[in-house]
PDB file of N, CA and C in Angstrom:
ATOM      1  N   MET A   1       8.376  -6.414 -10.595  1.00  0.00           N
ATOM      2  CA  MET A   1       7.143  -5.890 -10.049  1.00  0.00           C
ATOM      3  C   MET A   1       7.230  -6.014  -8.526  1.00  0.00           C
ATOM      4  N   ASN A   2       6.808  -4.962  -7.836  1.00  0.00           N
ATOM      5  CA  ASN A   2       6.876  -5.025  -6.379  1.00  0.00           C
ATOM      6  C   ASN A   2       5.726  -5.881  -5.831  1.00  0.00           C
ATOM      7  N   ASN A   3       5.864  -6.285  -4.584  1.00  0.00           N
ATOM      8  CA  ASN A   3       4.895  -7.205  -3.976  1.00  0.00           C
ATOM      9  C   ASN A   3       3.500  -6.610  -3.868  1.00  0.00           C
ATOM     10  N   GLU A   4       3.402  -5.308  -3.570  1.00  0.00           N
ATOM     11  CA  GLU A   4       2.090  -4.670  -3.427  1.00  0.00           C
ATOM     12  C   GLU A   4       1.331  -4.686  -4.749  1.00  0.00           C
ATOM     13  N   THR A   5       2.039  -4.387  -5.832  1.00  0.00           N
ATOM     14  CA  THR A   5       1.418  -4.389  -7.161  1.00  0.00           C
ATOM     15  C   THR A   5       0.965  -5.794  -7.534  1.00  0.00           C
ATOM     16  N   LYS A   6       1.842  -6.753  -7.317  1.00  0.00           N
ATOM     17  CA  LYS A   6       1.505  -8.136  -7.652  1.00  0.00           C
ATOM     18  C   LYS A   6       0.314  -8.615  -6.822  1.00  0.00           C
ATOM     19  N   GLN A   7       0.290  -8.256  -5.551  1.00  0.00           N
ATOM     20  CA  GLN A   7      -0.813  -8.663  -4.680  1.00  0.00           C
ATOM     21  C   GLN A   7      -2.145  -8.053  -5.154  1.00  0.00           C
ATOM     22  N   LEU A   8      -2.128  -6.779  -5.527  1.00  0.00           N
ATOM     23  CA  LEU A   8      -3.344  -6.125  -6.001  1.00  0.00           C
ATOM     24  C   LEU A   8      -3.826  -6.737  -7.309  1.00  0.00           C
ATOM     25  N   LEU A   9      -2.918  -6.948  -8.255  1.00  0.00           N
ATOM     26  CA  LEU A   9      -3.306  -7.538  -9.536  1.00  0.00           C
ATOM     27  C   LEU A   9      -3.839  -8.958  -9.347  1.00  0.00           C
ATOM     28  N   THR A  10      -3.226  -9.714  -8.460  1.00  0.00           N
ATOM     29  CA  THR A  10      -3.698 -11.068  -8.175  1.00  0.00           C
ATOM     30  C   THR A  10      -5.076 -11.037  -7.532  1.00  0.00           C
ATOM     31  N   ARG A  11      -5.314 -10.076  -6.652  1.00  0.00           N
ATOM     32  CA  ARG A  11      -6.627  -9.937  -6.013  1.00  0.00           C
ATOM     33  C   ARG A  11      -7.692  -9.604  -7.061  1.00  0.00           C
ATOM     34  N   TRP A  12      -7.377  -8.689  -7.972  1.00  0.00           N
ATOM     35  CA  TRP A  12      -8.325  -8.344  -9.032  1.00  0.00           C
ATOM     36  C   TRP A  12      -8.635  -9.569  -9.887  1.00  0.00           C
ATOM     37  N   GLN A  13      -7.590 -10.305 -10.237  1.00  0.00           N
ATOM     38  CA  GLN A  13      -7.776 -11.477 -11.076  1.00  0.00           C
ATOM     39  C   GLN A  13      -8.618 -12.531 -10.360  1.00  0.00           C
ATOM     40  N   SER A  14      -8.391 -12.723  -9.078  1.00  0.00           N
ATOM     41  CA  SER A  14      -9.167 -13.721  -8.334  1.00  0.00           C
ATOM     42  C   SER A  14     -10.618 -13.299  -8.160  1.00  0.00           C
ATOM     43  N   LEU A  15     -10.883 -11.992  -8.076  1.00  0.00           N
ATOM     44  CA  LEU A  15     -12.266 -11.533  -8.009  1.00  0.00           C
ATOM     45  C   LEU A  15     -12.982 -11.769  -9.329  1.00  0.00           C
ATOM     46  N   ASP A  16     -12.277 -11.624 -10.432  1.00  0.00           N
ATOM     47  CA  ASP A  16     -12.896 -11.769 -11.743  1.00  0.00           C
ATOM     48  C   ASP A  16     -13.113 -13.228 -12.116  1.00  0.00           C
ATOM     49  N   LYS A  17     -12.237 -14.107 -11.672  1.00  0.00           N
ATOM     50  CA  LYS A  17     -12.302 -15.522 -12.054  1.00  0.00           C
ATOM     51  C   LYS A  17     -12.520 -16.393 -10.821  1.00  0.00           C
ATOM     52  N   ASP A  18     -12.808 -17.649 -11.071  1.00  0.00           N
ATOM     53  CA  ASP A  18     -12.874 -18.679 -10.030  1.00  0.00           C
ATOM     54  C   ASP A  18     -13.912 -18.402  -8.954  1.00  0.00           C
ATOM     55  N   GLY A  19     -14.968 -17.690  -9.258  1.00  0.00           N
ATOM     56  CA  GLY A  19     -16.014 -17.445  -8.265  1.00  0.00           C
ATOM     57  C   GLY A  19     -15.549 -16.603  -7.100  1.00  0.00           C
ATOM     58  N   GLY A  20     -14.588 -15.744  -7.323  1.00  0.00           N
ATOM     59  CA  GLY A  20     -14.028 -14.927  -6.252  1.00  0.00           C
ATOM     60  C   GLY A  20     -15.040 -13.991  -5.619  1.00  0.00           C
ATOM     61  N   LEU A  21     -15.917 -13.431  -6.438  1.00  0.00           N
ATOM     62  CA  LEU A  21     -16.922 -12.512  -5.907  1.00  0.00           C
ATOM     63  C   LEU A  21     -17.923 -13.236  -5.021  1.00  0.00           C
ATOM     64  N   ARG A  22     -18.269 -14.464  -5.394  1.00  0.00           N
ATOM     65  CA  ARG A  22     -19.164 -15.269  -4.535  1.00  0.00           C
ATOM     66  C   ARG A  22     -18.497 -15.582  -3.202  1.00  0.00           C
ATOM     67  N   ARG A  23     -17.194 -15.860  -3.251  1.00  0.00           N
ATOM     68  CA  ARG A  23     -16.454 -16.137  -2.012  1.00  0.00           C
ATOM     69  C   ARG A  23     -16.434 -14.913  -1.115  1.00  0.00           C
ATOM     70  N   VAL A  24     -16.240 -13.745  -1.702  1.00  0.00           N
ATOM     71  CA  VAL A  24     -16.238 -12.505  -0.924  1.00  0.00           C
ATOM     72  C   VAL A  24     -17.612 -12.282  -0.289  1.00  0.00           C
ATOM     73  N   ASP A  25     -18.668 -12.542  -1.056  1.00  0.00           N
ATOM     74  CA  ASP A  25     -20.025 -12.378  -0.548  1.00  0.00           C
ATOM     75  C   ASP A  25     -20.302 -13.341   0.599  1.00  0.00           C
ATOM     76  N   SER A  26     -19.906 -14.597   0.458  1.00  0.00           N
ATOM     77  CA  SER A  26     -20.147 -15.563   1.534  1.00  0.00           C
ATOM     78  C   SER A  26     -19.300 -15.250   2.761  1.00  0.00           C
ATOM     79  N   THR A  27     -18.083 -14.766   2.556  1.00  0.00           N
ATOM     80  CA  THR A  27     -17.251 -14.363   3.696  1.00  0.00           C
ATOM     81  C   THR A  27     -17.882 -13.189   4.431  1.00  0.00           C
ATOM     82  N   ALA A  28     -18.458 -12.251   3.695  1.00  0.00           N
ATOM     83  CA  ALA A  28     -19.138 -11.106   4.326  1.00  0.00           C
ATOM     84  C   ALA A  28     -20.327 -11.582   5.152  1.00  0.00           C
ATOM     85  N   ARG A  29     -21.049 -12.572   4.655  1.00  0.00           N
ATOM     86  CA  ARG A  29     -22.178 -13.123   5.428  1.00  0.00           C
ATOM     87  C   ARG A  29     -21.706 -13.801   6.706  1.00  0.00           C
ATOM     88  N   VAL A  30     -20.633 -14.570   6.592  1.00  0.00           N
ATOM     89  CA  VAL A  30     -20.082 -15.244   7.782  1.00  0.00           C
ATOM     90  C   VAL A  30     -19.632 -14.206   8.804  1.00  0.00           C
ATOM     91  N   LEU A  31     -18.972 -13.150   8.337  1.00  0.00           N
ATOM     92  CA  LEU A  31     -18.535 -12.103   9.255  1.00  0.00           C
ATOM     93  C   LEU A  31     -19.719 -11.397   9.909  1.00  0.00           C
ATOM     94  N   TRP A  32     -20.826 -11.259   9.184  1.00  0.00           N
ATOM     95  CA  TRP A  32     -22.029 -10.663   9.768  1.00  0.00           C
ATOM     96  C   TRP A  32     -22.538 -11.532  10.920  1.00  0.00           C
ATOM     97  N   VAL A  33     -22.573 -12.841  10.717  1.00  0.00           N
ATOM     98  CA  VAL A  33     -23.034 -13.768  11.765  1.00  0.00           C
ATOM     99  C   VAL A  33     -22.083 -13.729  12.962  1.00  0.00           C
ATOM    100  N   VAL A  34     -20.788 -13.716  12.687  1.00  0.00           N
ATOM    101  CA  VAL A  34     -19.803 -13.638  13.777  1.00  0.00           C
ATOM    102  C   VAL A  34     -19.957 -12.327  14.539  1.00  0.00           C
ATOM    103  N   GLY A  35     -20.166 -11.228  13.819  1.00  0.00           N
ATOM    104  CA  GLY A  35     -20.375  -9.932  14.474  1.00  0.00           C
ATOM    105  C   GLY A  35     -21.622  -9.923  15.335  1.00  0.00           C
ATOM    106  N   LEU A  36     -22.701 -10.539  14.855  1.00  0.00           N
ATOM    107  CA  LEU A  36     -23.928 -10.635  15.640  1.00  0.00           C
ATOM    108  C   LEU A  36     -23.710 -11.462  16.900  1.00  0.00           C
ATOM    109  N   ALA A  37     -23.005 -12.582  16.763  1.00  0.00           N
ATOM    110  CA  ALA A  37     -22.707 -13.417  17.931  1.00  0.00           C
ATOM    111  C   ALA A  37     -21.862 -12.650  18.946  1.00  0.00           C
ATOM    112  N   LEU A  38     -20.887 -11.901  18.471  1.00  0.00           N
ATOM    113  CA  LEU A  38     -20.062 -11.112  19.390  1.00  0.00           C
ATOM    114  C   LEU A  38     -20.879 -10.014  20.057  1.00  0.00           C
ATOM    115  N   PHE A  39     -21.800  -9.412  19.325  1.00  0.00           N
ATOM    116  CA  PHE A  39     -22.672  -8.392  19.908  1.00  0.00           C
ATOM    117  C   PHE A  39     -23.511  -8.988  21.033  1.00  0.00           C
ATOM    118  N   ILE A  40     -24.095 -10.149  20.776  1.00  0.00           N
ATOM    119  CA  ILE A  40     -24.902 -10.819  21.810  1.00  0.00           C
ATOM    120  C   ILE A  40     -24.027 -11.167  23.008  1.00  0.00           C
ATOM    121  N   PHE A  41     -22.809 -11.626  22.756  1.00  0.00           N
ATOM    122  CA  PHE A  41     -21.881 -11.933  23.836  1.00  0.00           C
ATOM    123  C   PHE A  41     -21.579 -10.692  24.667  1.00  0.00           C
ATOM    124  N   VAL A  42     -21.332  -9.572  24.002  1.00  0.00           N
ATOM    125  CA  VAL A  42     -21.030  -8.330  24.717  1.00  0.00           C
ATOM    126  C   VAL A  42     -22.228  -7.905  25.565  1.00  0.00           C
ATOM    127  N   VAL A  43     -23.422  -8.017  25.028  1.00  0.00           N
ATOM    128  CA  VAL A  43     -24.623  -7.641  25.790  1.00  0.00           C
ATOM    129  C   VAL A  43     -24.751  -8.509  27.043  1.00  0.00           C
ATOM    130  N   PHE A  44     -24.568  -9.813  26.910  1.00  0.00           N
ATOM    131  CA  PHE A  44     -24.655 -10.687  28.075  1.00  0.00           C
ATOM    132  C   PHE A  44     -23.548 -10.408  29.083  1.00  0.00           C
ATOM    133  N   VAL A  45     -22.353 -10.164  28.609  1.00  0.00           N
ATOM    134  CA  VAL A  45     -21.231  -9.889  29.510  1.00  0.00           C
ATOM    135  C   VAL A  45     -21.480  -8.596  30.295  1.00  0.00           C
ATOM    136  N   VAL A  46     -22.013  -7.582  29.611  1.00  0.00           N
ATOM    137  CA  VAL A  46     -22.320  -6.328  30.304  1.00  0.00           C
ATOM    138  C   VAL A  46     -23.466  -6.543  31.280  1.00  0.00           C
ATOM    139  N   PHE A  47     -24.500  -7.275  30.856  1.00  0.00           N
ATOM    140  CA  PHE A  47     -25.669  -7.513  31.700  1.00  0.00           C
ATOM    141  C   PHE A  47     -25.299  -8.274  32.974  1.00  0.00           C
ATOM    142  N   TYR A  48     -24.450  -9.286  32.858  1.00  0.00           N
ATOM    143  CA  TYR A  48     -24.060 -10.092  34.009  1.00  0.00           C
ATOM    144  C   TYR A  48     -22.830  -9.546  34.733  1.00  0.00           C
ATOM    145  N   ARG A  49     -22.391  -8.383  34.364  1.00  0.00           N
ATOM    146  CA  ARG A  49     -21.296  -7.674  35.033  1.00  0.00           C
ATOM    147  C   ARG A  49     -20.025  -8.512  35.164  1.00  0.00           C
ATOM    148  N   VAL A  50     -19.640  -9.081  34.065  1.00  0.00           N
ATOM    149  CA  VAL A  50     -18.398  -9.853  34.015  1.00  0.00           C
ATOM    150  C   VAL A  50     -17.243  -8.855  33.936  1.00  0.00           C
ATOM    151  N   HIS A  51     -16.056  -9.324  34.177  1.00  0.00           N
ATOM    152  CA  HIS A  51     -14.874  -8.466  34.182  1.00  0.00           C
ATOM    153  C   HIS A  51     -14.828  -7.601  32.914  1.00  0.00           C
ATOM    154  N   PRO A  52     -14.526  -6.318  33.058  1.00  0.00           N
ATOM    155  CA  PRO A  52     -14.518  -5.402  31.908  1.00  0.00           C
ATOM    156  C   PRO A  52     -13.534  -5.783  30.796  1.00  0.00           C
ATOM    157  N   ALA A  53     -12.521  -6.558  31.119  1.00  0.00           N
ATOM    158  CA  ALA A  53     -11.565  -6.973  30.094  1.00  0.00           C
ATOM    159  C   ALA A  53     -12.257  -7.820  29.020  1.00  0.00           C
ATOM    160  N   PHE A  54     -13.211  -8.663  29.433  1.00  0.00           N
ATOM    161  CA  PHE A  54     -13.961  -9.462  28.464  1.00  0.00           C
ATOM    162  C   PHE A  54     -14.770  -8.567  27.528  1.00  0.00           C
ATOM    163  N   VAL A  55     -15.364  -7.523  28.101  1.00  0.00           N
ATOM    164  CA  VAL A  55     -16.142  -6.580  27.298  1.00  0.00           C
ATOM    165  C   VAL A  55     -15.229  -5.878  26.297  1.00  0.00           C
ATOM    166  N   ALA A  56     -14.081  -5.423  26.766  1.00  0.00           N
ATOM    167  CA  ALA A  56     -13.159  -4.681  25.902  1.00  0.00           C
ATOM    168  C   ALA A  56     -12.646  -5.546  24.753  1.00  0.00           C
ATOM    169  N   VAL A  57     -12.242  -6.766  25.060  1.00  0.00           N
ATOM    170  CA  VAL A  57     -11.710  -7.647  24.017  1.00  0.00           C
ATOM    171  C   VAL A  57     -12.806  -8.021  23.024  1.00  0.00           C
ATOM    172  N   ALA A  58     -13.968  -8.407  23.524  1.00  0.00           N
ATOM    173  CA  ALA A  58     -15.066  -8.793  22.627  1.00  0.00           C
ATOM    174  C   ALA A  58     -15.517  -7.613  21.775  1.00  0.00           C
ATOM    175  N   ALA A  59     -15.591  -6.424  22.361  1.00  0.00           N
ATOM    176  CA  ALA A  59     -15.999  -5.242  21.601  1.00  0.00           C
ATOM    177  C   ALA A  59     -14.957  -4.881  20.538  1.00  0.00           C
ATOM    178  N   ALA A  60     -13.687  -5.027  20.869  1.00  0.00           N
ATOM    179  CA  ALA A  60     -12.632  -4.737  19.894  1.00  0.00           C
ATOM    180  C   ALA A  60     -12.691  -5.719  18.722  1.00  0.00           C
ATOM    181  N   VAL A  61     -12.862  -6.988  19.027  1.00  0.00           N
ATOM    182  CA  VAL A  61     -12.966  -7.993  17.967  1.00  0.00           C
ATOM    183  C   VAL A  61     -14.224  -7.745  17.137  1.00  0.00           C
ATOM    184  N   MET A  62     -15.317  -7.387  17.799  1.00  0.00           N
ATOM    185  CA  MET A  62     -16.560  -7.088  17.090  1.00  0.00           C
ATOM    186  C   MET A  62     -16.357  -5.897  16.150  1.00  0.00           C
ATOM    187  N   GLY A  63     -15.646  -4.888  16.582  1.00  0.00           N
ATOM    188  CA  GLY A  63     -15.358  -3.738  15.733  1.00  0.00           C
ATOM    189  C   GLY A  63     -14.530  -4.112  14.523  1.00  0.00           C
ATOM    190  N   TRP A  64     -13.525  -4.961  14.725  1.00  0.00           N
ATOM    191  CA  TRP A  64     -12.694  -5.402  13.614  1.00  0.00           C
ATOM    192  C   TRP A  64     -13.523  -6.212  12.618  1.00  0.00           C
ATOM    193  N   VAL A  65     -14.350  -7.130  13.122  1.00  0.00           N
ATOM    194  CA  VAL A  65     -15.196  -7.955  12.254  1.00  0.00           C
ATOM    195  C   VAL A  65     -16.151  -7.075  11.444  1.00  0.00           C
ATOM    196  N   THR A  66     -16.732  -6.079  12.095  1.00  0.00           N
ATOM    197  CA  THR A  66     -17.653  -5.170  11.410  1.00  0.00           C
ATOM    198  C   THR A  66     -16.928  -4.380  10.319  1.00  0.00           C
ATOM    199  N   ALA A  67     -15.735  -3.908  10.620  1.00  0.00           N
ATOM    200  CA  ALA A  67     -14.959  -3.155   9.627  1.00  0.00           C
ATOM    201  C   ALA A  67     -14.590  -4.036   8.434  1.00  0.00           C
ATOM    202  N   GLU A  68     -14.196  -5.264   8.680  1.00  0.00           N
ATOM    203  CA  GLU A  68     -13.858  -6.178   7.589  1.00  0.00           C
ATOM    204  C   GLU A  68     -15.077  -6.488   6.733  1.00  0.00           C
ATOM    205  N   ARG A  69     -16.211  -6.699   7.372  1.00  0.00           N
ATOM    206  CA  ARG A  69     -17.440  -6.974   6.627  1.00  0.00           C
ATOM    207  C   ARG A  69     -17.812  -5.775   5.763  1.00  0.00           C
ATOM    208  N   ASN A  70     -17.729  -4.589   6.325  1.00  0.00           N
ATOM    209  CA  ASN A  70     -18.054  -3.387   5.549  1.00  0.00           C
ATOM    210  C   ASN A  70     -17.102  -3.199   4.374  1.00  0.00           C
ATOM    211  N   ALA A  71     -15.828  -3.514   4.566  1.00  0.00           N
ATOM    212  CA  ALA A  71     -14.860  -3.417   3.471  1.00  0.00           C
ATOM    213  C   ALA A  71     -15.198  -4.415   2.366  1.00  0.00           C
ATOM    214  N   LEU A  72     -15.583  -5.623   2.738  1.00  0.00           N
ATOM    215  CA  LEU A  72     -15.958  -6.609   1.738  1.00  0.00           C
ATOM    216  C   LEU A  72     -17.227  -6.209   1.001  1.00  0.00           C
ATOM    217  N   ARG A  73     -18.198  -5.677   1.726  1.00  0.00           N
ATOM    218  CA  ARG A  73     -19.439  -5.227   1.074  1.00  0.00           C
ATOM    219  C   ARG A  73     -19.159  -4.064   0.115  1.00  0.00           C
ATOM    220  N   ALA A  74     -18.260  -3.177   0.494  1.00  0.00           N
ATOM    221  CA  ALA A  74     -17.887  -2.069  -0.393  1.00  0.00           C
ATOM    222  C   ALA A  74     -17.194  -2.602  -1.640  1.00  0.00           C
ATOM    223  N   ARG A  75     -16.338  -3.594  -1.477  1.00  0.00           N
ATOM    224  CA  ARG A  75     -15.649  -4.188  -2.618  1.00  0.00           C
ATOM    225  C   ARG A  75     -16.651  -4.827  -3.574  1.00  0.00           C
ATOM    226  N   ILE A  76     -17.657  -5.495  -3.029  1.00  0.00           N
ATOM    227  CA  ILE A  76     -18.683  -6.112  -3.865  1.00  0.00           C
ATOM    228  C   ILE A  76     -19.460  -5.046  -4.623  1.00  0.00           C
ATOM    229  N   ALA A  77     -19.814  -3.962  -3.944  1.00  0.00           N
ATOM    230  CA  ALA A  77     -20.601  -2.897  -4.578  1.00  0.00           C
ATOM    231  C   ALA A  77     -19.792  -2.161  -5.647  1.00  0.00           C
ATOM    232  N   GLN A  78     -18.503  -1.997  -5.439  1.00  0.00           N
ATOM    233  CA  GLN A  78     -17.669  -1.240  -6.372  1.00  0.00           C
ATOM    234  C   GLN A  78     -17.123  -2.088  -7.516  1.00  0.00           C
ATOM    235  N   TRP A  79     -17.170  -3.390  -7.375  1.00  0.00           N
ATOM    236  CA  TRP A  79     -16.530  -4.259  -8.348  1.00  0.00           C
ATOM    237  C   TRP A  79     -17.038  -4.077  -9.780  1.00  0.00           C
ATOM    238  N   PRO A  80     -18.358  -3.968 -10.026  1.00  0.00           N
ATOM    239  CA  PRO A  80     -18.804  -3.787 -11.412  1.00  0.00           C
ATOM    240  C   PRO A  80     -18.204  -2.541 -12.075  1.00  0.00           C
ATOM    241  N   ILE A  81     -17.994  -1.493 -11.312  1.00  0.00           N
ATOM    242  CA  ILE A  81     -17.398  -0.277 -11.858  1.00  0.00           C
ATOM    243  C   ILE A  81     -15.921  -0.496 -12.155  1.00  0.00           C
ATOM    244  N   PHE A  82     -15.190  -1.072 -11.203  1.00  0.00           N
ATOM    245  CA  PHE A  82     -13.767  -1.341 -11.420  1.00  0.00           C
ATOM    246  C   PHE A  82     -13.557  -2.265 -12.613  1.00  0.00           C
ATOM    247  N   LYS A  83     -14.410  -3.258 -12.728  1.00  0.00           N
ATOM    248  CA  LYS A  83     -14.250  -4.267 -13.771  1.00  0.00           C
ATOM    249  C   LYS A  83     -14.304  -3.647 -15.166  1.00  0.00           C
ATOM    250  N   LYS A  84     -15.102  -2.608 -15.329  1.00  0.00           N
ATOM    251  CA  LYS A  84     -15.207  -1.947 -16.628  1.00  0.00           C
ATOM    252  C   LYS A  84     -13.915  -1.231 -17.018  1.00  0.00           C
ATOM    253  N   TYR A  85     -13.183  -0.719 -16.042  1.00  0.00           N
ATOM    254  CA  TYR A  85     -12.036   0.138 -16.330  1.00  0.00           C
ATOM    255  C   TYR A  85     -10.688  -0.567 -16.247  1.00  0.00           C
ATOM    256  N   ILE A  86     -10.669  -1.782 -15.776  1.00  0.00           N
ATOM    257  CA  ILE A  86      -9.398  -2.503 -15.654  1.00  0.00           C
ATOM    258  C   ILE A  86      -9.011  -3.068 -17.017  1.00  0.00           C
ATOM    259  N   ASP A  87      -7.758  -2.862 -17.395  1.00  0.00           N
ATOM    260  CA  ASP A  87      -7.221  -3.414 -18.633  1.00  0.00           C
ATOM    261  C   ASP A  87      -6.773  -4.845 -18.329  1.00  0.00           C
ATOM    262  N   TRP A  88      -7.669  -5.811 -18.579  1.00  0.00           N
ATOM    263  CA  TRP A  88      -7.421  -7.195 -18.172  1.00  0.00           C
ATOM    264  C   TRP A  88      -6.258  -7.818 -18.926  1.00  0.00           C
ATOM    265  N   LYS A  89      -6.085  -7.424 -20.173  1.00  0.00           N
ATOM    266  CA  LYS A  89      -4.962  -7.968 -20.936  1.00  0.00           C
ATOM    267  C   LYS A  89      -3.637  -7.569 -20.288  1.00  0.00           C
ATOM    268  N   ARG A  90      -3.554  -6.330 -19.871  1.00  0.00           N
ATOM    269  CA  ARG A  90      -2.323  -5.861 -19.230  1.00  0.00           C
ATOM    270  C   ARG A  90      -2.121  -6.533 -17.872  1.00  0.00           C
ATOM    271  N   VAL A  91      -3.189  -6.719 -17.118  1.00  0.00           N
ATOM    272  CA  VAL A  91      -3.080  -7.384 -15.810  1.00  0.00           C
ATOM    273  C   VAL A  91      -2.509  -8.786 -15.995  1.00  0.00           C
ATOM    274  N   GLU A  92      -3.071  -9.545 -16.944  1.00  0.00           N
ATOM    275  CA  GLU A  92      -2.594 -10.910 -17.167  1.00  0.00           C
ATOM    276  C   GLU A  92      -1.148 -10.936 -17.659  1.00  0.00           C
ATOM    277  N   GLU A  93      -0.804 -10.012 -18.544  1.00  0.00           N
ATOM    278  CA  GLU A  93       0.576  -9.953 -19.037  1.00  0.00           C
ATOM    279  C   GLU A  93       1.552  -9.598 -17.924  1.00  0.00           C
ATOM    280  N   ASP A  94       1.172  -8.632 -17.094  1.00  0.00           N
ATOM    281  CA  ASP A  94       2.063  -8.214 -16.012  1.00  0.00           C
ATOM    282  C   ASP A  94       2.255  -9.327 -14.994  1.00  0.00           C
ATOM    283  N   LEU A  95       1.200 -10.082 -14.712  1.00  0.00           N
ATOM    284  CA  LEU A  95       1.342 -11.183 -13.772  1.00  0.00           C
ATOM    285  C   LEU A  95       2.194 -12.309 -14.359  1.00  0.00           C
ATOM    286  N   LYS A  96       2.116 -12.508 -15.664  1.00  0.00           N
ATOM    287  CA  LYS A  96       2.959 -13.528 -16.306  1.00  0.00           C
ATOM    288  C   LYS A  96       4.421 -13.086 -16.342  1.00  0.00           C
ATOM    289  N   ASP A  97       4.619 -11.807 -16.672  1.00  0.00           N
ATOM    290  CA  ASP A  97       5.981 -11.297 -16.830  1.00  0.00           C
ATOM    291  C   ASP A  97       6.695 -11.085 -15.507  1.00  0.00           C
ATOM    292  N   GLY A  98       5.947 -10.877 -14.437  1.00  0.00           N
ATOM    293  CA  GLY A  98       6.553 -10.677 -13.134  1.00  0.00           C
ATOM    294  C   GLY A  98       7.359  -9.406 -13.058  1.00  0.00           C
ATOM    295  N   ASN A  99       8.654  -9.522 -12.866  1.00  0.00           N
ATOM    296  CA  ASN A  99       9.529  -8.361 -12.680  1.00  0.00           C
ATOM    297  C   ASN A  99       9.980  -7.712 -13.982  1.00  0.00           C
ATOM    298  N   LYS A 100       9.616  -8.249 -15.114  1.00  0.00           N
ATOM    299  CA  LYS A 100      10.109  -7.690 -16.374  1.00  0.00           C
ATOM    300  C   LYS A 100       9.571  -6.305 -16.660  1.00  0.00           C
ATOM    301  N   ASN A 101       8.274  -6.074 -16.358  1.00  0.00           N
ATOM    302  CA  ASN A 101       7.670  -4.791 -16.703  1.00  0.00           C
ATOM    303  C   ASN A 101       7.956  -3.676 -15.705  1.00  0.00           C
ATOM    304  N   PHE A 102       8.117  -4.020 -14.459  1.00  0.00           N
ATOM    305  CA  PHE A 102       8.305  -3.004 -13.442  1.00  0.00           C
ATOM    306  C   PHE A 102       9.574  -3.284 -12.655  1.00  0.00           C
ATOM    307  N   PRO A 103      10.486  -2.341 -12.603  1.00  0.00           N
ATOM    308  CA  PRO A 103      11.597  -2.495 -11.672  1.00  0.00           C
ATOM    309  C   PRO A 103      11.054  -2.434 -10.239  1.00  0.00           C
ATOM    310  N   GLU A 104      11.764  -2.991  -9.333  1.00  0.00           N
ATOM    311  CA  GLU A 104      11.308  -3.046  -7.942  1.00  0.00           C
ATOM    312  C   GLU A 104      10.924  -1.681  -7.415  1.00  0.00           C
ATOM    313  N   GLY A 105       9.666  -1.561  -6.962  1.00  0.00           N
ATOM    314  CA  GLY A 105       9.201  -0.355  -6.317  1.00  0.00           C
ATOM    315  C   GLY A 105       8.767   0.746  -7.256  1.00  0.00           C
ATOM    316  N   LYS A 106       8.787   0.542  -8.586  1.00  0.00           N
ATOM    317  CA  LYS A 106       8.413   1.594  -9.524  1.00  0.00           C
ATOM    318  C   LYS A 106       7.298   1.101 -10.424  1.00  0.00           C
ATOM    319  N   LEU A 107       6.355   2.001 -10.690  1.00  0.00           N
ATOM    320  CA  LEU A 107       5.263   1.670 -11.616  1.00  0.00           C
ATOM    321  C   LEU A 107       5.413   2.432 -12.894  1.00  0.00           C
TER     322      LEU A 107
END
């Protein structure tokens, strides 16, 4: 099994078990707070006319944080639908078997 497949199956399994969805939700909340703090920082930096490099770096990080939070929120919203269609028995078997079911790079 290739690394991308194994990583995706492991991610699905972790979302389904071990409180993974709660962890994703709490991480999204933390990212929201971090994004808000960065927004406030950018506003103050612009207001006090600090070097534009600070604005650019803070705004770029704020954009990345916002994108990650939105991706996590989308994953939370889509998870109930995905969960219905995933063949969990096959996921568990494939993760146990490792490379037996899939030659490298082929599904």
